[in-house]
Each structure stands twice: as structure tokens, then as C-alpha cells.
Amino acid sequence: MSIVEIPVFPENASFTQTINIENATYKLRMYWNVRDEYWYFSLFLPDDTPILTGVKMPVNYTLISSFFGESVPLGDFILFDESGNNEPCGRDELGDRCIFLYISADDEIMQSELVFL
């Protein structure tokens, strides 16, 4: 059971990093969409095979619970608004007011009715 805060680099409007979750390695790309003023992310295997692309990141919602596939992580990602205001995460608020979390599938939060979506 675990909740992991994923490091982010909001000084860049687009960045890619390698992350390890639940004993698996992924490439994570996050980017700011100027047109609709939202953060998005994509998830890839280490060889750049896409798993999920262009996932919009509203705050306080499970982000991948509706996706299924062999390579899709079993837990979920959440862009958590620490202020409690539930306002969209602004360009400069990622990693500050809004933190990016991964919640493992066996975590009590994922198994409770308190899941955000």
C-alpha cells in the first residue's frame, strides 16, 4: 500500500522523466496546453511505446481508472489540490498547490468509497 508523490518540473512547459511505480519503469511526459490552459500527461514504456497519451489533468479526480490494458498501471494517478479549492491547476501551480500522486491499487484509499471519481 502506498501513495507516491511524483516529482514534477513545472519550470518547463513540457518535460519527460523516468518513474518507477509498483516495480515497473515508465516514461512520463507532462505538458501545459496553452489553448485550454490545462496540464496533460502521457505514459510510455521505457522503449517509448505509448500506453496512455494526452490525459487531461483536472484536480482531485482519478486520471486512469477508465483505461485498461496489459501495460496500464493497476493503481491511479491524481493531481491533488492541496488548497482544497478544487480549481484547475494553473501553469505555475504544478508541484506547489497541485501535487501529482500515484496511489497503488492495494491502497485503502483506492479500495474505499472515498476515491475522488
N, C-alpha and C. Protein backbone atom coordinates (compact mmCIF):
# COMPACT_ATOMS: atom_id res chain seq x y z
N MET A 1 0.84 -1.17 0.00
CA MET A 1 0.00 0.00 0.00
C MET A 1 0.88 1.24 0.00
N SER A 2 0.61 2.10 -0.96
CA SER A 2 1.43 3.31 -0.96
C SER A 2 0.82 4.42 -1.79
N ILE A 3 1.17 5.61 -1.37
CA ILE A 3 0.90 6.81 -2.14
C ILE A 3 2.26 7.44 -2.39
N VAL A 4 2.56 7.69 -3.66
CA VAL A 4 3.86 8.21 -4.04
C VAL A 4 3.67 9.56 -4.70
N GLU A 5 4.40 10.56 -4.24
CA GLU A 5 4.38 11.85 -4.92
C GLU A 5 5.37 11.78 -6.07
N ILE A 6 4.88 12.06 -7.27
CA ILE A 6 5.72 12.03 -8.47
C ILE A 6 6.39 13.40 -8.61
N PRO A 7 7.72 13.42 -8.70
CA PRO A 7 8.38 14.72 -8.88
C PRO A 7 7.98 15.36 -10.20
N VAL A 8 7.83 16.67 -10.19
CA VAL A 8 7.46 17.41 -11.40
C VAL A 8 8.45 18.56 -11.60
N PHE A 9 8.48 19.09 -12.80
CA PHE A 9 9.41 20.15 -13.17
C PHE A 9 8.64 21.28 -13.84
N PRO A 10 7.82 22.00 -13.07
CA PRO A 10 6.90 22.97 -13.65
C PRO A 10 7.56 24.18 -14.29
N GLU A 11 8.86 24.36 -14.05
CA GLU A 11 9.53 25.47 -14.70
C GLU A 11 9.58 25.27 -16.22
N ASN A 12 9.37 24.04 -16.65
CA ASN A 12 9.30 23.71 -18.07
C ASN A 12 7.84 23.45 -18.45
N ALA A 13 7.41 23.98 -19.57
CA ALA A 13 6.03 23.76 -20.03
C ALA A 13 5.84 22.34 -20.53
N SER A 14 6.93 21.62 -20.75
CA SER A 14 6.89 20.22 -21.18
C SER A 14 8.14 19.54 -20.65
N PHE A 15 7.96 18.38 -20.04
CA PHE A 15 9.12 17.64 -19.55
C PHE A 15 8.81 16.15 -19.55
N THR A 16 9.87 15.36 -19.64
CA THR A 16 9.77 13.90 -19.63
C THR A 16 10.71 13.38 -18.57
N GLN A 17 10.27 12.36 -17.87
CA GLN A 17 11.11 11.73 -16.86
C GLN A 17 10.80 10.25 -16.77
N THR A 18 11.72 9.51 -16.19
CA THR A 18 11.51 8.09 -15.93
C THR A 18 11.04 7.95 -14.50
N ILE A 19 9.98 7.15 -14.30
CA ILE A 19 9.46 6.91 -12.97
C ILE A 19 9.35 5.41 -12.73
N ASN A 20 9.41 5.02 -11.48
CA ASN A 20 9.22 3.63 -11.08
C ASN A 20 8.03 3.55 -10.16
N ILE A 21 7.03 2.78 -10.57
CA ILE A 21 5.86 2.57 -9.73
C ILE A 21 5.49 1.10 -9.75
N GLU A 22 5.18 0.57 -8.59
CA GLU A 22 4.77 -0.82 -8.43
C GLU A 22 5.69 -1.78 -9.19
N ASN A 23 7.00 -1.60 -8.97
CA ASN A 23 8.03 -2.47 -9.55
C ASN A 23 8.08 -2.44 -11.07
N ALA A 24 7.65 -1.36 -11.67
CA ALA A 24 7.72 -1.22 -13.13
C ALA A 24 8.26 0.17 -13.46
N THR A 25 8.94 0.26 -14.59
CA THR A 25 9.52 1.52 -15.03
C THR A 25 8.71 2.07 -16.19
N TYR A 26 8.43 3.36 -16.14
CA TYR A 26 7.67 4.05 -17.17
C TYR A 26 8.35 5.37 -17.52
N LYS A 27 8.04 5.89 -18.68
CA LYS A 27 8.40 7.26 -19.01
C LYS A 27 7.13 8.08 -18.91
N LEU A 28 7.23 9.20 -18.26
CA LEU A 28 6.11 10.10 -18.03
C LEU A 28 6.42 11.42 -18.72
N ARG A 29 5.50 11.87 -19.54
CA ARG A 29 5.64 13.19 -20.16
C ARG A 29 4.48 14.05 -19.68
N MET A 30 4.80 15.22 -19.17
CA MET A 30 3.78 16.17 -18.74
C MET A 30 3.96 17.44 -19.55
N TYR A 31 2.84 18.05 -19.92
CA TYR A 31 2.95 19.27 -20.72
C TYR A 31 1.74 20.17 -20.48
N TRP A 32 2.00 21.48 -20.61
CA TRP A 32 1.00 22.51 -20.44
C TRP A 32 0.39 22.81 -21.80
N ASN A 33 -0.95 22.73 -21.89
CA ASN A 33 -1.65 23.07 -23.12
C ASN A 33 -2.10 24.52 -23.00
N VAL A 34 -1.48 25.37 -23.81
CA VAL A 34 -1.77 26.81 -23.74
C VAL A 34 -3.20 27.11 -24.14
N ARG A 35 -3.71 26.40 -25.14
CA ARG A 35 -5.04 26.70 -25.66
C ARG A 35 -6.14 26.51 -24.62
N ASP A 36 -6.13 25.37 -23.94
CA ASP A 36 -7.22 25.18 -22.95
C ASP A 36 -6.74 25.35 -21.51
N GLU A 37 -5.48 25.76 -21.33
CA GLU A 37 -4.92 26.09 -20.03
C GLU A 37 -5.07 24.95 -19.02
N TYR A 38 -4.58 23.78 -19.41
CA TYR A 38 -4.58 22.60 -18.55
C TYR A 38 -3.26 21.86 -18.71
N TRP A 39 -2.89 21.15 -17.64
CA TRP A 39 -1.79 20.20 -17.72
C TRP A 39 -2.32 18.88 -18.27
N TYR A 40 -1.49 18.19 -19.05
CA TYR A 40 -1.79 16.87 -19.60
C TYR A 40 -0.59 15.96 -19.33
N PHE A 41 -0.84 14.64 -19.36
CA PHE A 41 0.29 13.73 -19.28
C PHE A 41 0.11 12.56 -20.23
N SER A 42 1.23 11.96 -20.55
CA SER A 42 1.27 10.73 -21.35
C SER A 42 2.19 9.77 -20.64
N LEU A 43 1.92 8.49 -20.79
CA LEU A 43 2.70 7.44 -20.14
C LEU A 43 3.20 6.47 -21.19
N PHE A 44 4.48 6.11 -21.12
CA PHE A 44 5.12 5.25 -22.10
C PHE A 44 5.89 4.15 -21.39
N LEU A 45 6.11 3.05 -22.11
CA LEU A 45 7.06 2.04 -21.66
C LEU A 45 8.47 2.61 -21.85
N PRO A 46 9.48 2.00 -21.22
CA PRO A 46 10.85 2.52 -21.36
C PRO A 46 11.35 2.62 -22.80
N ASP A 47 10.79 1.79 -23.71
CA ASP A 47 11.21 1.83 -25.12
C ASP A 47 10.40 2.82 -25.94
N ASP A 48 9.66 3.71 -25.26
CA ASP A 48 8.83 4.75 -25.86
C ASP A 48 7.54 4.25 -26.50
N THR A 49 7.14 3.01 -26.20
CA THR A 49 5.85 2.51 -26.64
C THR A 49 4.76 3.22 -25.83
N PRO A 50 3.81 3.90 -26.49
CA PRO A 50 2.78 4.63 -25.74
C PRO A 50 1.81 3.69 -25.02
N ILE A 51 1.47 4.06 -23.81
CA ILE A 51 0.45 3.35 -23.03
C ILE A 51 -0.80 4.22 -22.96
N LEU A 52 -0.63 5.46 -22.54
CA LEU A 52 -1.71 6.45 -22.46
C LEU A 52 -1.16 7.77 -22.98
N THR A 53 -1.91 8.45 -23.82
CA THR A 53 -1.42 9.73 -24.33
C THR A 53 -2.49 10.80 -24.20
N GLY A 54 -2.05 12.00 -23.89
CA GLY A 54 -2.95 13.15 -23.85
C GLY A 54 -4.02 13.08 -22.79
N VAL A 55 -3.66 12.65 -21.58
CA VAL A 55 -4.64 12.55 -20.49
C VAL A 55 -4.72 13.91 -19.79
N LYS A 56 -5.89 14.53 -19.86
CA LYS A 56 -6.12 15.82 -19.21
C LYS A 56 -6.09 15.63 -17.70
N MET A 57 -5.58 16.64 -16.99
CA MET A 57 -5.36 16.51 -15.55
C MET A 57 -6.21 17.47 -14.72
N PRO A 58 -7.51 17.22 -14.60
CA PRO A 58 -8.29 18.02 -13.65
C PRO A 58 -7.86 17.65 -12.22
N VAL A 59 -8.05 18.54 -11.28
CA VAL A 59 -7.63 18.25 -9.91
C VAL A 59 -8.64 17.34 -9.21
N ASN A 60 -8.09 16.51 -8.32
CA ASN A 60 -8.87 15.67 -7.41
C ASN A 60 -9.75 14.63 -8.08
N TYR A 61 -9.34 14.15 -9.24
CA TYR A 61 -10.03 13.05 -9.93
C TYR A 61 -9.04 11.95 -10.24
N THR A 62 -9.51 10.72 -10.19
CA THR A 62 -8.66 9.64 -10.66
C THR A 62 -8.48 9.82 -12.16
N LEU A 63 -7.26 9.65 -12.64
CA LEU A 63 -6.96 10.01 -14.02
C LEU A 63 -6.88 8.83 -14.99
N ILE A 64 -6.64 7.61 -14.48
CA ILE A 64 -6.52 6.49 -15.43
C ILE A 64 -7.45 5.33 -15.11
N SER A 65 -8.40 5.53 -14.22
CA SER A 65 -9.28 4.43 -13.81
C SER A 65 -10.13 3.87 -14.94
N SER A 66 -10.34 4.64 -15.98
CA SER A 66 -11.17 4.16 -17.09
C SER A 66 -10.35 3.51 -18.20
N PHE A 67 -9.03 3.41 -18.02
CA PHE A 67 -8.16 2.80 -19.03
C PHE A 67 -7.76 1.40 -18.59
N PHE A 68 -7.76 0.48 -19.54
CA PHE A 68 -7.39 -0.90 -19.26
C PHE A 68 -6.39 -1.36 -20.30
N GLY A 69 -5.53 -2.24 -19.91
CA GLY A 69 -4.55 -2.81 -20.83
C GLY A 69 -3.43 -3.47 -20.05
N GLU A 70 -2.70 -4.29 -20.73
CA GLU A 70 -1.64 -5.06 -20.09
C GLU A 70 -0.59 -4.17 -19.43
N SER A 71 -0.28 -3.03 -20.02
CA SER A 71 0.78 -2.17 -19.50
C SER A 71 0.28 -1.02 -18.64
N VAL A 72 -1.03 -0.85 -18.53
CA VAL A 72 -1.59 0.24 -17.72
C VAL A 72 -1.39 -0.10 -16.24
N PRO A 73 -0.80 0.81 -15.46
CA PRO A 73 -0.64 0.53 -14.03
C PRO A 73 -1.98 0.22 -13.37
N LEU A 74 -1.94 -0.62 -12.34
CA LEU A 74 -3.17 -1.04 -11.67
C LEU A 74 -3.73 0.01 -10.73
N GLY A 75 -2.87 0.89 -10.23
CA GLY A 75 -3.32 1.97 -9.35
C GLY A 75 -3.83 3.13 -10.17
N ASP A 76 -3.69 4.33 -9.62
CA ASP A 76 -4.18 5.50 -10.35
C ASP A 76 -3.35 6.74 -10.01
N PHE A 77 -3.37 7.68 -10.92
CA PHE A 77 -2.73 8.97 -10.73
C PHE A 77 -3.81 9.98 -10.35
N ILE A 78 -3.43 10.93 -9.52
CA ILE A 78 -4.33 12.01 -9.11
C ILE A 78 -3.51 13.30 -9.03
N LEU A 79 -4.03 14.36 -9.60
CA LEU A 79 -3.46 15.68 -9.41
C LEU A 79 -4.21 16.28 -8.23
N PHE A 80 -3.57 16.28 -7.08
CA PHE A 80 -4.25 16.63 -5.83
C PHE A 80 -4.06 18.11 -5.52
N ASP A 81 -5.17 18.81 -5.30
CA ASP A 81 -5.18 20.22 -4.95
C ASP A 81 -5.06 20.35 -3.43
N GLU A 82 -3.87 20.70 -2.97
CA GLU A 82 -3.64 20.79 -1.52
C GLU A 82 -4.38 21.94 -0.87
N SER A 83 -4.83 22.93 -1.64
CA SER A 83 -5.55 24.06 -1.07
C SER A 83 -7.00 23.71 -0.75
N GLY A 84 -7.53 22.67 -1.40
CA GLY A 84 -8.92 22.30 -1.21
C GLY A 84 -9.90 23.15 -2.02
N ASN A 85 -9.39 24.04 -2.87
CA ASN A 85 -10.27 24.91 -3.66
C ASN A 85 -10.88 24.23 -4.88
N ASN A 86 -10.29 23.13 -5.31
CA ASN A 86 -10.76 22.38 -6.49
C ASN A 86 -10.80 23.22 -7.75
N GLU A 87 -9.88 24.17 -7.85
CA GLU A 87 -9.75 24.97 -9.07
C GLU A 87 -8.72 24.31 -9.98
N PRO A 88 -8.85 24.47 -11.30
CA PRO A 88 -7.87 23.89 -12.21
C PRO A 88 -6.45 24.31 -11.83
N CYS A 89 -5.52 23.44 -12.07
CA CYS A 89 -4.12 23.69 -11.77
C CYS A 89 -3.53 24.63 -12.81
N GLY A 90 -3.12 25.80 -12.39
CA GLY A 90 -2.54 26.78 -13.30
C GLY A 90 -1.15 26.39 -13.75
N ARG A 91 -0.67 27.09 -14.74
CA ARG A 91 0.65 26.82 -15.33
C ARG A 91 1.75 26.77 -14.28
N ASP A 92 1.72 27.68 -13.31
CA ASP A 92 2.77 27.76 -12.31
C ASP A 92 2.41 27.12 -10.97
N GLU A 93 1.33 26.37 -10.93
CA GLU A 93 0.89 25.77 -9.66
C GLU A 93 1.22 24.28 -9.54
N LEU A 94 1.69 23.68 -10.62
CA LEU A 94 2.07 22.26 -10.57
C LEU A 94 3.28 22.10 -9.65
N GLY A 95 3.17 21.17 -8.70
CA GLY A 95 4.25 20.94 -7.75
C GLY A 95 4.19 21.88 -6.56
N ASP A 96 3.28 22.83 -6.59
CA ASP A 96 3.11 23.77 -5.49
C ASP A 96 1.74 23.52 -4.87
N ARG A 97 0.71 24.19 -5.37
CA ARG A 97 -0.65 23.96 -4.89
C ARG A 97 -1.15 22.57 -5.31
N CYS A 98 -0.73 22.12 -6.47
CA CYS A 98 -1.19 20.85 -7.03
C CYS A 98 -0.03 19.87 -7.10
N ILE A 99 -0.18 18.74 -6.41
CA ILE A 99 0.87 17.73 -6.43
C ILE A 99 0.37 16.50 -7.19
N PHE A 100 1.28 15.85 -7.90
CA PHE A 100 0.94 14.70 -8.72
C PHE A 100 1.25 13.44 -7.93
N LEU A 101 0.23 12.63 -7.70
CA LEU A 101 0.35 11.43 -6.87
C LEU A 101 0.04 10.17 -7.65
N TYR A 102 0.67 9.07 -7.25
CA TYR A 102 0.28 7.74 -7.71
C TYR A 102 -0.17 6.98 -6.49
N ILE A 103 -1.36 6.39 -6.56
CA ILE A 103 -1.90 5.59 -5.47
C ILE A 103 -1.95 4.15 -5.94
N SER A 104 -1.24 3.27 -5.23
CA SER A 104 -1.19 1.86 -5.64
C SER A 104 -2.56 1.21 -5.52
N ALA A 105 -2.77 0.17 -6.30
CA ALA A 105 -4.07 -0.50 -6.38
C ALA A 105 -4.50 -1.10 -5.05
N ASP A 106 -3.54 -1.49 -4.22
CA ASP A 106 -3.91 -2.12 -2.95
C ASP A 106 -4.02 -1.13 -1.80
N ASP A 107 -3.91 0.14 -2.09
CA ASP A 107 -4.03 1.16 -1.04
C ASP A 107 -5.48 1.25 -0.58
N GLU A 108 -5.67 1.49 0.70
CA GLU A 108 -7.02 1.58 1.26
C GLU A 108 -7.84 2.68 0.61
N ILE A 109 -7.20 3.76 0.19
CA ILE A 109 -7.93 4.85 -0.46
C ILE A 109 -8.55 4.36 -1.75
N MET A 110 -7.81 3.57 -2.53
CA MET A 110 -8.33 3.06 -3.80
C MET A 110 -9.47 2.08 -3.57
N GLN A 111 -9.47 1.40 -2.44
CA GLN A 111 -10.48 0.38 -2.17
C GLN A 111 -11.70 0.95 -1.44
N SER A 112 -11.64 2.18 -1.00
CA SER A 112 -12.75 2.77 -0.27
C SER A 112 -13.69 3.50 -1.20
N GLU A 113 -14.78 3.96 -0.67
CA GLU A 113 -15.72 4.76 -1.46
C GLU A 113 -15.29 6.21 -1.51
N LEU A 114 -14.15 6.54 -0.93
CA LEU A 114 -13.68 7.91 -0.90
C LEU A 114 -12.83 8.27 -2.11
N VAL A 115 -12.71 7.34 -3.04
CA VAL A 115 -11.96 7.65 -4.26
C VAL A 115 -12.63 8.82 -4.93
N PHE A 116 -11.85 9.74 -5.45
CA PHE A 116 -12.35 11.02 -5.94
C PHE A 116 -13.35 10.92 -7.08
N LEU A 117 -13.29 9.91 -7.90
CA LEU A 117 -14.23 9.80 -9.01
C LEU A 117 -14.85 8.44 -9.02
